[in-house]
Amino acid sequence: MIEAVKNISSILGLIATAATLVTIAIRPIRKRVIGRLRLKSKMSRTDREISQLKSILEKQLEDERIRRQDAMLYREALKCLLRDDITHLYYKRLPERAIHAYELENITSLYDTYILLGGNSFVKEIYRKMSTEWQVIK
């Protein structure tokens, strides 16, 4: 019987030693595997965040393109309105070739804005005529 207890205790000791060795051997392997999994998890999260940022940036770029296009259209519309106001007053006052001082001030303001927007030479010519050749009524 003592022999059987010795055998059992030897077997248990052997199992305990084997378990300790396995634990010691597995620990670095486990750390590597867990480290790689964590890194992979962080990378996938980072990839998702980069993807989200990319889609936000693409939307902002599209919005900016639309905003610029709208601004160009508004600019052209404003230029047309200014040209219309200037030419309307020109043709209204053409028979007398005279313009009131307040109308000339208004036309000058309209003309300056029109030129800043890239207006053409037709309006430049009629403005020159109104401001230099026509009589100014006070």
N, C-alpha and C. Protein backbone atom coordinates (compact mmCIF):
# COMPACT_ATOMS: atom_id res chain seq x y z
N MET A 1 0.79 -1.17 0.00
CA MET A 1 0.00 0.00 0.00
C MET A 1 0.85 1.26 0.00
N ILE A 2 1.89 1.26 0.75
CA ILE A 2 2.78 2.41 0.78
C ILE A 2 3.36 2.61 -0.62
N GLU A 3 3.58 1.54 -1.24
CA GLU A 3 4.12 1.62 -2.61
C GLU A 3 3.09 2.30 -3.51
N ALA A 4 1.84 2.01 -3.34
CA ALA A 4 0.80 2.61 -4.16
C ALA A 4 0.69 4.10 -3.87
N VAL A 5 0.80 4.48 -2.60
CA VAL A 5 0.75 5.91 -2.22
C VAL A 5 1.94 6.63 -2.81
N LYS A 6 3.12 5.99 -2.78
CA LYS A 6 4.32 6.60 -3.37
C LYS A 6 4.11 6.80 -4.86
N ASN A 7 3.56 5.79 -5.50
CA ASN A 7 3.30 5.89 -6.95
C ASN A 7 2.30 7.01 -7.25
N ILE A 8 1.26 7.08 -6.47
CA ILE A 8 0.24 8.13 -6.69
C ILE A 8 0.86 9.49 -6.44
N SER A 9 1.63 9.63 -5.38
CA SER A 9 2.24 10.93 -5.10
C SER A 9 3.26 11.29 -6.16
N SER A 10 3.99 10.30 -6.70
CA SER A 10 4.93 10.56 -7.79
C SER A 10 4.16 11.03 -9.03
N ILE A 11 3.06 10.36 -9.30
CA ILE A 11 2.25 10.72 -10.47
C ILE A 11 1.68 12.13 -10.28
N LEU A 12 1.18 12.43 -9.10
CA LEU A 12 0.65 13.78 -8.83
C LEU A 12 1.76 14.83 -8.92
N GLY A 13 2.91 14.50 -8.41
CA GLY A 13 4.06 15.41 -8.50
C GLY A 13 4.44 15.64 -9.95
N LEU A 14 4.42 14.55 -10.71
CA LEU A 14 4.73 14.64 -12.13
C LEU A 14 3.70 15.52 -12.86
N ILE A 15 2.45 15.34 -12.51
CA ILE A 15 1.37 16.14 -13.13
C ILE A 15 1.54 17.61 -12.74
N ALA A 16 1.84 17.87 -11.48
CA ALA A 16 2.03 19.25 -11.01
C ALA A 16 3.21 19.88 -11.71
N THR A 17 4.29 19.15 -11.84
CA THR A 17 5.48 19.66 -12.52
C THR A 17 5.18 19.93 -14.00
N ALA A 18 4.48 18.99 -14.62
CA ALA A 18 4.12 19.16 -16.04
C ALA A 18 3.22 20.37 -16.21
N ALA A 19 2.25 20.54 -15.30
CA ALA A 19 1.34 21.70 -15.38
C ALA A 19 2.12 23.00 -15.21
N THR A 20 3.07 23.02 -14.30
CA THR A 20 3.88 24.21 -14.08
C THR A 20 4.71 24.52 -15.32
N LEU A 21 5.31 23.50 -15.91
CA LEU A 21 6.10 23.70 -17.13
C LEU A 21 5.23 24.19 -18.29
N VAL A 22 4.05 23.58 -18.39
CA VAL A 22 3.14 24.01 -19.46
C VAL A 22 2.74 25.46 -19.24
N THR A 23 2.42 25.82 -18.01
CA THR A 23 2.04 27.20 -17.69
C THR A 23 3.19 28.16 -18.01
N ILE A 24 4.40 27.79 -17.63
CA ILE A 24 5.57 28.63 -17.90
C ILE A 24 5.80 28.74 -19.41
N ALA A 25 5.63 27.69 -20.13
CA ALA A 25 5.86 27.70 -21.58
C ALA A 25 4.74 28.43 -22.32
N ILE A 26 3.52 28.28 -21.83
CA ILE A 26 2.37 28.87 -22.53
C ILE A 26 2.26 30.37 -22.28
N ARG A 27 2.71 30.85 -21.14
CA ARG A 27 2.56 32.26 -20.80
C ARG A 27 3.13 33.19 -21.88
N PRO A 28 4.37 33.05 -22.36
CA PRO A 28 4.87 33.96 -23.41
C PRO A 28 4.08 33.82 -24.72
N ILE A 29 3.69 32.57 -25.00
CA ILE A 29 2.91 32.35 -26.23
C ILE A 29 1.55 33.07 -26.10
N ARG A 30 0.94 32.91 -24.93
CA ARG A 30 -0.34 33.57 -24.70
C ARG A 30 -0.21 35.09 -24.80
N LYS A 31 0.86 35.65 -24.23
CA LYS A 31 1.07 37.10 -24.30
C LYS A 31 1.22 37.55 -25.75
N ARG A 32 1.94 36.81 -26.55
CA ARG A 32 2.12 37.16 -27.97
C ARG A 32 0.78 37.12 -28.71
N VAL A 33 0.04 36.05 -28.48
CA VAL A 33 -1.25 35.90 -29.18
C VAL A 33 -2.20 37.03 -28.76
N ILE A 34 -2.31 37.27 -27.47
CA ILE A 34 -3.19 38.34 -26.98
C ILE A 34 -2.71 39.70 -27.50
N GLY A 35 -1.40 39.90 -27.50
CA GLY A 35 -0.85 41.17 -28.03
C GLY A 35 -1.20 41.37 -29.50
N ARG A 36 -1.09 40.33 -30.27
CA ARG A 36 -1.44 40.43 -31.69
C ARG A 36 -2.93 40.68 -31.88
N LEU A 37 -3.74 40.00 -31.09
CA LEU A 37 -5.18 40.22 -31.18
C LEU A 37 -5.54 41.66 -30.82
N ARG A 38 -4.93 42.16 -29.76
CA ARG A 38 -5.19 43.56 -29.37
C ARG A 38 -4.74 44.52 -30.46
N LEU A 39 -3.56 44.28 -31.01
CA LEU A 39 -3.04 45.14 -32.08
C LEU A 39 -3.97 45.11 -33.28
N LYS A 40 -4.42 43.91 -33.63
CA LYS A 40 -5.33 43.76 -34.76
C LYS A 40 -6.64 44.49 -34.47
N SER A 41 -7.12 44.38 -33.25
CA SER A 41 -8.35 45.06 -32.84
C SER A 41 -8.17 46.57 -32.93
N LYS A 42 -7.04 47.08 -32.45
CA LYS A 42 -6.76 48.52 -32.54
C LYS A 42 -6.67 48.96 -33.99
N MET A 43 -6.01 48.15 -34.81
CA MET A 43 -5.87 48.50 -36.22
C MET A 43 -7.23 48.53 -36.90
N SER A 44 -8.09 47.57 -36.59
CA SER A 44 -9.40 47.56 -37.23
C SER A 44 -10.22 48.76 -36.76
N ARG A 45 -10.08 49.14 -35.49
CA ARG A 45 -10.76 50.34 -34.99
C ARG A 45 -10.20 51.57 -35.66
N THR A 46 -8.89 51.63 -35.81
CA THR A 46 -8.25 52.75 -36.48
C THR A 46 -8.67 52.81 -37.94
N ASP A 47 -8.75 51.67 -38.59
CA ASP A 47 -9.20 51.63 -39.98
C ASP A 47 -10.64 52.14 -40.10
N ARG A 48 -11.48 51.77 -39.15
CA ARG A 48 -12.87 52.26 -39.17
C ARG A 48 -12.90 53.78 -38.98
N GLU A 49 -12.10 54.26 -38.05
CA GLU A 49 -12.06 55.71 -37.79
C GLU A 49 -11.53 56.45 -39.01
N ILE A 50 -10.50 55.91 -39.65
CA ILE A 50 -9.97 56.53 -40.87
C ILE A 50 -11.02 56.54 -41.96
N SER A 51 -11.75 55.46 -42.09
CA SER A 51 -12.81 55.37 -43.09
C SER A 51 -13.90 56.40 -42.81
N GLN A 52 -14.26 56.56 -41.54
CA GLN A 52 -15.27 57.56 -41.19
C GLN A 52 -14.78 58.96 -41.49
N LEU A 53 -13.52 59.24 -41.14
CA LEU A 53 -12.95 60.56 -41.42
C LEU A 53 -12.89 60.83 -42.93
N LYS A 54 -12.55 59.78 -43.68
CA LYS A 54 -12.48 59.92 -45.14
C LYS A 54 -13.86 60.26 -45.71
N SER A 55 -14.90 59.59 -45.24
CA SER A 55 -16.24 59.88 -45.75
C SER A 55 -16.69 61.28 -45.34
N ILE A 56 -16.34 61.72 -44.14
CA ILE A 56 -16.67 63.08 -43.71
C ILE A 56 -15.95 64.09 -44.59
N LEU A 57 -14.67 63.85 -44.86
CA LEU A 57 -13.90 64.76 -45.72
C LEU A 57 -14.46 64.80 -47.13
N GLU A 58 -14.82 63.65 -47.67
CA GLU A 58 -15.40 63.62 -49.02
C GLU A 58 -16.70 64.41 -49.07
N LYS A 59 -17.54 64.29 -48.04
CA LYS A 59 -18.79 65.05 -48.00
C LYS A 59 -18.50 66.54 -47.92
N GLN A 60 -17.52 66.93 -47.10
CA GLN A 60 -17.17 68.34 -46.98
C GLN A 60 -16.63 68.89 -48.30
N LEU A 61 -15.84 68.10 -48.99
CA LEU A 61 -15.32 68.54 -50.29
C LEU A 61 -16.44 68.72 -51.30
N GLU A 62 -17.40 67.81 -51.30
CA GLU A 62 -18.54 67.93 -52.21
C GLU A 62 -19.38 69.15 -51.85
N ASP A 63 -19.60 69.37 -50.55
CA ASP A 63 -20.34 70.55 -50.10
C ASP A 63 -19.62 71.83 -50.52
N GLU A 64 -18.30 71.84 -50.39
CA GLU A 64 -17.51 73.01 -50.79
C GLU A 64 -17.60 73.25 -52.30
N ARG A 65 -17.58 72.18 -53.09
CA ARG A 65 -17.70 72.32 -54.54
C ARG A 65 -19.06 72.92 -54.90
N ILE A 66 -20.11 72.44 -54.25
CA ILE A 66 -21.45 72.97 -54.49
C ILE A 66 -21.54 74.42 -54.05
N ARG A 67 -20.94 74.74 -52.90
CA ARG A 67 -20.95 76.12 -52.39
C ARG A 67 -20.25 77.06 -53.36
N ARG A 68 -19.11 76.63 -53.89
CA ARG A 68 -18.39 77.46 -54.85
C ARG A 68 -19.18 77.66 -56.13
N GLN A 69 -19.83 76.60 -56.58
CA GLN A 69 -20.65 76.69 -57.79
C GLN A 69 -21.82 77.65 -57.54
N ASP A 70 -22.46 77.54 -56.38
CA ASP A 70 -23.56 78.45 -56.04
C ASP A 70 -23.06 79.89 -55.97
N ALA A 71 -21.90 80.08 -55.35
CA ALA A 71 -21.34 81.43 -55.24
C ALA A 71 -21.07 82.02 -56.63
N MET A 72 -20.58 81.20 -57.54
CA MET A 72 -20.33 81.67 -58.90
C MET A 72 -21.65 82.07 -59.58
N LEU A 73 -22.69 81.25 -59.39
CA LEU A 73 -23.99 81.58 -59.96
C LEU A 73 -24.56 82.87 -59.37
N TYR A 74 -24.45 83.04 -58.05
CA TYR A 74 -24.93 84.27 -57.41
C TYR A 74 -24.14 85.48 -57.93
N ARG A 75 -22.87 85.30 -58.10
CA ARG A 75 -22.01 86.37 -58.61
C ARG A 75 -22.46 86.79 -60.01
N GLU A 76 -22.70 85.80 -60.86
CA GLU A 76 -23.16 86.11 -62.23
C GLU A 76 -24.54 86.75 -62.21
N ALA A 77 -25.42 86.28 -61.34
CA ALA A 77 -26.76 86.86 -61.25
C ALA A 77 -26.68 88.31 -60.77
N LEU A 78 -25.83 88.57 -59.79
CA LEU A 78 -25.65 89.93 -59.29
C LEU A 78 -25.09 90.84 -60.38
N LYS A 79 -24.14 90.32 -61.11
CA LYS A 79 -23.55 91.10 -62.21
C LYS A 79 -24.63 91.46 -63.24
N CYS A 80 -25.50 90.52 -63.56
CA CYS A 80 -26.59 90.79 -64.51
C CYS A 80 -27.54 91.86 -63.98
N LEU A 81 -27.87 91.78 -62.69
CA LEU A 81 -28.76 92.78 -62.10
C LEU A 81 -28.12 94.17 -62.12
N LEU A 82 -26.84 94.24 -61.79
CA LEU A 82 -26.14 95.52 -61.81
C LEU A 82 -26.11 96.09 -63.23
N ARG A 83 -25.78 95.24 -64.19
CA ARG A 83 -25.73 95.68 -65.59
C ARG A 83 -27.11 96.19 -66.02
N ASP A 84 -28.16 95.48 -65.63
CA ASP A 84 -29.51 95.88 -65.99
C ASP A 84 -29.86 97.24 -65.39
N ASP A 85 -29.52 97.45 -64.12
CA ASP A 85 -29.81 98.75 -63.48
C ASP A 85 -29.06 99.88 -64.16
N ILE A 86 -27.80 99.64 -64.48
CA ILE A 86 -26.99 100.69 -65.11
C ILE A 86 -27.52 101.00 -66.51
N THR A 87 -27.75 99.98 -67.29
CA THR A 87 -28.23 100.22 -68.66
C THR A 87 -29.65 100.79 -68.67
N HIS A 88 -30.48 100.38 -67.70
CA HIS A 88 -31.83 100.93 -67.62
C HIS A 88 -31.78 102.44 -67.42
N LEU A 89 -30.98 102.91 -66.47
CA LEU A 89 -30.87 104.34 -66.23
C LEU A 89 -30.23 105.06 -67.42
N TYR A 90 -29.28 104.40 -68.05
CA TYR A 90 -28.63 104.99 -69.22
C TYR A 90 -29.66 105.27 -70.31
N TYR A 91 -30.45 104.27 -70.66
CA TYR A 91 -31.43 104.44 -71.73
C TYR A 91 -32.59 105.35 -71.31
N LYS A 92 -32.88 105.39 -70.03
CA LYS A 92 -33.92 106.28 -69.53
C LYS A 92 -33.48 107.74 -69.69
N ARG A 93 -32.22 108.03 -69.43
CA ARG A 93 -31.71 109.40 -69.46
C ARG A 93 -31.02 109.77 -70.78
N LEU A 94 -30.93 108.82 -71.70
CA LEU A 94 -30.22 109.07 -72.96
C LEU A 94 -30.81 110.23 -73.77
N PRO A 95 -32.12 110.37 -73.90
CA PRO A 95 -32.64 111.49 -74.71
C PRO A 95 -32.20 112.86 -74.18
N GLU A 96 -32.15 113.03 -72.86
CA GLU A 96 -31.74 114.34 -72.30
C GLU A 96 -30.23 114.47 -72.18
N ARG A 97 -29.53 113.33 -72.15
CA ARG A 97 -28.08 113.31 -71.88
C ARG A 97 -27.75 114.13 -70.62
N ALA A 98 -28.61 113.91 -69.61
CA ALA A 98 -28.44 114.58 -68.32
C ALA A 98 -28.83 113.58 -67.24
N ILE A 99 -28.16 113.70 -66.11
CA ILE A 99 -28.39 112.77 -65.01
C ILE A 99 -28.35 113.54 -63.69
N HIS A 100 -29.22 113.20 -62.78
CA HIS A 100 -29.22 113.84 -61.46
C HIS A 100 -27.99 113.37 -60.68
N ALA A 101 -27.53 114.25 -59.80
CA ALA A 101 -26.33 113.95 -59.01
C ALA A 101 -26.52 112.68 -58.17
N TYR A 102 -27.68 112.53 -57.56
CA TYR A 102 -27.92 111.34 -56.74
C TYR A 102 -27.95 110.08 -57.61
N GLU A 103 -28.44 110.20 -58.86
CA GLU A 103 -28.43 109.05 -59.76
C GLU A 103 -27.00 108.68 -60.15
N LEU A 104 -26.18 109.71 -60.37
CA LEU A 104 -24.78 109.46 -60.70
C LEU A 104 -24.05 108.77 -59.54
N GLU A 105 -24.34 109.21 -58.33
CA GLU A 105 -23.74 108.55 -57.15
C GLU A 105 -24.17 107.08 -57.09
N ASN A 106 -25.45 106.84 -57.33
CA ASN A 106 -25.98 105.48 -57.31
C ASN A 106 -25.33 104.65 -58.42
N ILE A 107 -25.26 105.22 -59.63
CA ILE A 107 -24.64 104.52 -60.77
C ILE A 107 -23.17 104.23 -60.48
N THR A 108 -22.48 105.16 -59.86
CA THR A 108 -21.07 104.96 -59.54
C THR A 108 -20.90 103.80 -58.57
N SER A 109 -21.76 103.73 -57.56
CA SER A 109 -21.70 102.62 -56.62
C SER A 109 -21.99 101.29 -57.33
N LEU A 110 -23.02 101.27 -58.16
CA LEU A 110 -23.35 100.07 -58.92
C LEU A 110 -22.19 99.67 -59.85
N TYR A 111 -21.62 100.66 -60.51
CA TYR A 111 -20.53 100.42 -61.46
C TYR A 111 -19.30 99.85 -60.75
N ASP A 112 -18.95 100.43 -59.61
CA ASP A 112 -17.77 99.93 -58.87
C ASP A 112 -17.94 98.47 -58.50
N THR A 113 -19.12 98.11 -58.03
CA THR A 113 -19.38 96.72 -57.68
C THR A 113 -19.35 95.84 -58.93
N TYR A 114 -19.93 96.34 -60.01
CA TYR A 114 -19.96 95.60 -61.27
C TYR A 114 -18.54 95.30 -61.76
N ILE A 115 -17.67 96.27 -61.66
CA ILE A 115 -16.27 96.09 -62.09
C ILE A 115 -15.56 95.08 -61.19
N LEU A 116 -15.81 95.16 -59.88
CA LEU A 116 -15.20 94.18 -58.95
C LEU A 116 -15.62 92.75 -59.29
N LEU A 117 -16.83 92.60 -59.82
CA LEU A 117 -17.33 91.27 -60.19
C LEU A 117 -16.85 90.84 -61.57
N GLY A 118 -16.07 91.68 -62.24
CA GLY A 118 -15.54 91.31 -63.56
C GLY A 118 -16.43 91.73 -64.71
N GLY A 119 -17.08 92.89 -64.57
CA GLY A 119 -17.99 93.37 -65.62
C GLY A 119 -17.29 93.65 -66.94
N ASN A 120 -18.09 93.79 -68.00
CA ASN A 120 -17.52 93.93 -69.34
C ASN A 120 -17.37 95.38 -69.78
N SER A 121 -16.84 95.58 -70.97
CA SER A 121 -16.51 96.91 -71.46
C SER A 121 -17.74 97.70 -71.90
N PHE A 122 -18.86 97.06 -72.24
CA PHE A 122 -20.07 97.78 -72.65
C PHE A 122 -20.53 98.71 -71.53
N VAL A 123 -20.64 98.19 -70.33
CA VAL A 123 -21.07 99.00 -69.19
C VAL A 123 -20.00 100.04 -68.85
N LYS A 124 -18.75 99.70 -69.01
CA LYS A 124 -17.68 100.68 -68.78
C LYS A 124 -17.86 101.88 -69.69
N GLU A 125 -18.19 101.62 -70.95
CA GLU A 125 -18.35 102.70 -71.93
C GLU A 125 -19.56 103.57 -71.60
N ILE A 126 -20.70 102.96 -71.26
CA ILE A 126 -21.87 103.80 -70.97
C ILE A 126 -21.68 104.55 -69.65
N TYR A 127 -20.98 103.97 -68.69
CA TYR A 127 -20.69 104.69 -67.45
C TYR A 127 -19.77 105.88 -67.73
N ARG A 128 -18.77 105.64 -68.57
CA ARG A 128 -17.86 106.75 -68.92
C ARG A 128 -18.64 107.90 -69.55
N LYS A 129 -19.55 107.58 -70.46
CA LYS A 129 -20.36 108.62 -71.11
C LYS A 129 -21.21 109.37 -70.08
N MET A 130 -21.89 108.61 -69.20
CA MET A 130 -22.75 109.27 -68.22
C MET A 130 -21.96 110.15 -67.26
N SER A 131 -20.79 109.68 -66.86
CA SER A 131 -20.04 110.41 -65.82
C SER A 131 -19.20 111.55 -66.37
N THR A 132 -18.85 111.51 -67.65
CA THR A 132 -17.98 112.57 -68.19
C THR A 132 -18.64 113.44 -69.25
N GLU A 133 -19.51 112.87 -70.06
CA GLU A 133 -20.08 113.63 -71.18
C GLU A 133 -21.45 114.21 -70.88
N TRP A 134 -22.17 113.63 -69.96
CA TRP A 134 -23.53 114.09 -69.69
C TRP A 134 -23.52 115.23 -68.67
N GLN A 135 -24.58 116.02 -68.74
CA GLN A 135 -24.75 117.11 -67.79
C GLN A 135 -25.24 116.50 -66.46
N VAL A 136 -24.68 116.98 -65.36
CA VAL A 136 -25.11 116.52 -64.04
C VAL A 136 -26.04 117.58 -63.46
N ILE A 137 -27.27 117.17 -63.16
CA ILE A 137 -28.28 118.06 -62.61
C ILE A 137 -28.20 117.97 -61.09
N LYS A 138 -28.04 119.15 -60.46
CA LYS A 138 -27.89 119.17 -59.00
C LYS A 138 -29.15 119.37 -58.27
